[in-house]
C-alpha atoms as a PDB file:
ATOM      1  CA  MET A   1      41.920 118.595 140.278  1.00  0.00           C
ATOM      2  CA  CYS A   2      40.753 114.733 138.849  1.00  0.00           C
ATOM      3  CA  LEU A   3      41.087 111.797 140.679  1.00  0.00           C
ATOM      4  CA  HIS A   4      43.739 110.192 138.548  1.00  0.00           C
ATOM      5  CA  LYS A   5      46.215 113.273 139.096  1.00  0.00           C
ATOM      6  CA  THR A   6      45.922 113.205 142.770  1.00  0.00           C
ATOM      7  CA  LYS A   7      46.471 109.573 143.273  1.00  0.00           C
ATOM      8  CA  LYS A   8      49.791 109.833 141.326  1.00  0.00           C
ATOM      9  CA  ILE A   9      50.530 112.897 143.774  1.00  0.00           C
ATOM     10  CA  PHE A  10      49.700 110.680 146.477  1.00  0.00           C
ATOM     11  CA  LEU A  11      52.025 108.157 145.252  1.00  0.00           C
ATOM     12  CA  VAL A  12      54.991 110.240 144.498  1.00  0.00           C
ATOM     13  CA  LEU A  13      54.510 111.620 148.138  1.00  0.00           C
ATOM     14  CA  LEU A  14      54.197 108.266 149.738  1.00  0.00           C
ATOM     15  CA  LEU A  15      57.590 107.259 147.743  1.00  0.00           C
ATOM     16  CA  VAL A  16      59.524 109.941 148.635  1.00  0.00           C
ATOM     17  CA  ALA A  17      58.313 109.640 152.700  1.00  0.00           C
ATOM     18  CA  THR A  18      59.356 105.879 152.127  1.00  0.00           C
ATOM     19  CA  ALA A  19      62.818 106.644 151.375  1.00  0.00           C
ATOM     20  CA  ALA A  20      63.290 109.172 153.580  1.00  0.00           C
ATOM     21  CA  ARG A  21      62.313 107.093 156.333  1.00  0.00           C
ATOM     22  CA  ALA A  22      64.635 104.090 155.092  1.00  0.00           C
ATOM     23  CA  PHE A  23      67.861 106.408 155.971  1.00  0.00           C
ATOM     24  CA  GLU A  24      69.366 106.721 159.090  1.00  0.00           C
ATOM     25  CA  CYS A  25      70.787 109.983 159.905  1.00  0.00           C
ATOM     26  CA  PRO A  26      74.420 109.592 161.509  1.00  0.00           C
ATOM     27  CA  THR A  27      74.251 113.193 162.573  1.00  0.00           C
ATOM     28  CA  ALA A  28      72.728 116.663 161.612  1.00  0.00           C
ATOM     29  CA  GLY A  29      73.686 117.623 157.960  1.00  0.00           C
ATOM     30  CA  ILE A  30      73.147 116.812 154.164  1.00  0.00           C
ATOM     31  CA  PHE A  31      73.630 113.364 152.844  1.00  0.00           C
ATOM     32  CA  PRO A  32      73.626 112.372 149.148  1.00  0.00           C
ATOM     33  CA  VAL A  33      71.803 109.276 148.173  1.00  0.00           C
ATOM     34  CA  ASP A  34      74.144 106.896 146.683  1.00  0.00           C
ATOM     35  CA  ASP A  35      73.159 107.555 143.322  1.00  0.00           C
ATOM     36  CA  CYS A  36      73.300 111.258 143.677  1.00  0.00           C
ATOM     37  CA  SER A  37      69.970 111.851 142.327  1.00  0.00           C
ATOM     38  CA  GLY A  38      69.046 113.621 145.666  1.00  0.00           C
ATOM     39  CA  PHE A  39      69.975 114.326 149.558  1.00  0.00           C
ATOM     40  CA  HIS A  40      68.447 113.989 152.516  1.00  0.00           C
ATOM     41  CA  VAL A  41      68.636 116.948 155.416  1.00  0.00           C
ATOM     42  CA  CYS A  42      68.820 115.566 158.473  1.00  0.00           C
ATOM     43  CA  GLY A  43      68.227 117.736 161.692  1.00  0.00           C
ATOM     44  CA  TYR A  44      67.117 117.698 165.412  1.00  0.00           C
ATOM     45  CA  ASN A  45      63.541 116.977 166.412  1.00  0.00           C
ATOM     46  CA  ALA A  46      62.257 119.609 168.530  1.00  0.00           C
ATOM     47  CA  LEU A  47      60.088 117.228 170.752  1.00  0.00           C
ATOM     48  CA  ASN A  48      62.697 114.595 171.662  1.00  0.00           C
ATOM     49  CA  GLY A  49      65.868 115.778 170.538  1.00  0.00           C
ATOM     50  CA  ALA A  50      66.708 113.003 168.043  1.00  0.00           C
ATOM     51  CA  VAL A  51      68.491 113.640 164.812  1.00  0.00           C
ATOM     52  CA  GLU A  52      65.798 112.413 161.949  1.00  0.00           C
ATOM     53  CA  VAL A  53      65.331 113.060 158.177  1.00  0.00           C
ATOM     54  CA  LEU A  54      63.528 116.485 158.084  1.00  0.00           C
ATOM     55  CA  GLN A  55      63.573 116.467 154.182  1.00  0.00           C
ATOM     56  CA  PHE A  56      64.143 114.689 151.137  1.00  0.00           C
ATOM     57  CA  VAL A  57      65.073 116.287 148.571  1.00  0.00           C
ATOM     58  CA  GLU A  58      65.032 114.984 144.569  1.00  0.00           C
ATOM     59  CA  CYS A  59      66.950 116.668 142.075  1.00  0.00           C
ATOM     60  CA  PRO A  60      64.966 117.937 138.775  1.00  0.00           C
ATOM     61  CA  ASP A  61      65.391 116.759 135.334  1.00  0.00           C
ATOM     62  CA  GLY A  62      67.758 114.045 135.818  1.00  0.00           C
ATOM     63  CA  LYS A  63      70.457 116.391 137.666  1.00  0.00           C
ATOM     64  CA  LEU A  64      72.975 115.012 139.954  1.00  0.00           C
ATOM     65  CA  TYR A  65      73.605 116.270 143.596  1.00  0.00           C
ATOM     66  CA  ASN A  66      76.739 117.651 144.062  1.00  0.00           C
ATOM     67  CA  ILE A  67      77.953 117.772 147.670  1.00  0.00           C
ATOM     68  CA  MET A  68      80.859 119.958 147.127  1.00  0.00           C
ATOM     69  CA  LYS A  69      78.783 122.804 145.577  1.00  0.00           C
ATOM     70  CA  HIS A  70      75.434 122.091 147.337  1.00  0.00           C
ATOM     71  CA  LYS A  71      73.316 121.934 144.498  1.00  0.00           C
ATOM     72  CA  CYS A  72      71.908 119.791 141.790  1.00  0.00           C
ATOM     73  CA  GLN A  73      74.087 119.945 138.544  1.00  0.00           C
ATOM     74  CA  PRO A  74      73.519 118.189 134.817  1.00  0.00           C
ATOM     75  CA  PRO A  75      75.795 115.011 134.243  1.00  0.00           C
ATOM     76  CA  SER A  76      77.653 117.106 132.131  1.00  0.00           C
ATOM     77  CA  VAL A  77      79.096 119.050 134.890  1.00  0.00           C
ATOM     78  CA  PHE A  78      79.269 116.814 137.737  1.00  0.00           C
ATOM     79  CA  THR A  79      79.692 112.923 137.793  1.00  0.00           C
ATOM     80  CA  CYS A  80      78.608 110.921 140.762  1.00  0.00           C
ATOM     81  CA  PRO A  81      81.256 109.332 143.057  1.00  0.00           C
ATOM     82  CA  GLN A  82      79.591 106.175 143.692  1.00  0.00           C
END
């Protein structure tokens, strides 16, 4: 893998990790981001019992996360309520 591609992958991972840290989980569960471009998966930390972001998932290809269907869908099928 070339160094340029490695830098891009690292930057994307860093941005995703930063977005996940900026979100504070109110409880365990799945929480869409405001623009429906993805969602946070919140759960309990096994070491200290705190509720925290376990994963941030970004919808691919411009799709929007539909919390009622629990999946990413095209904008032609789902409109984000914002």
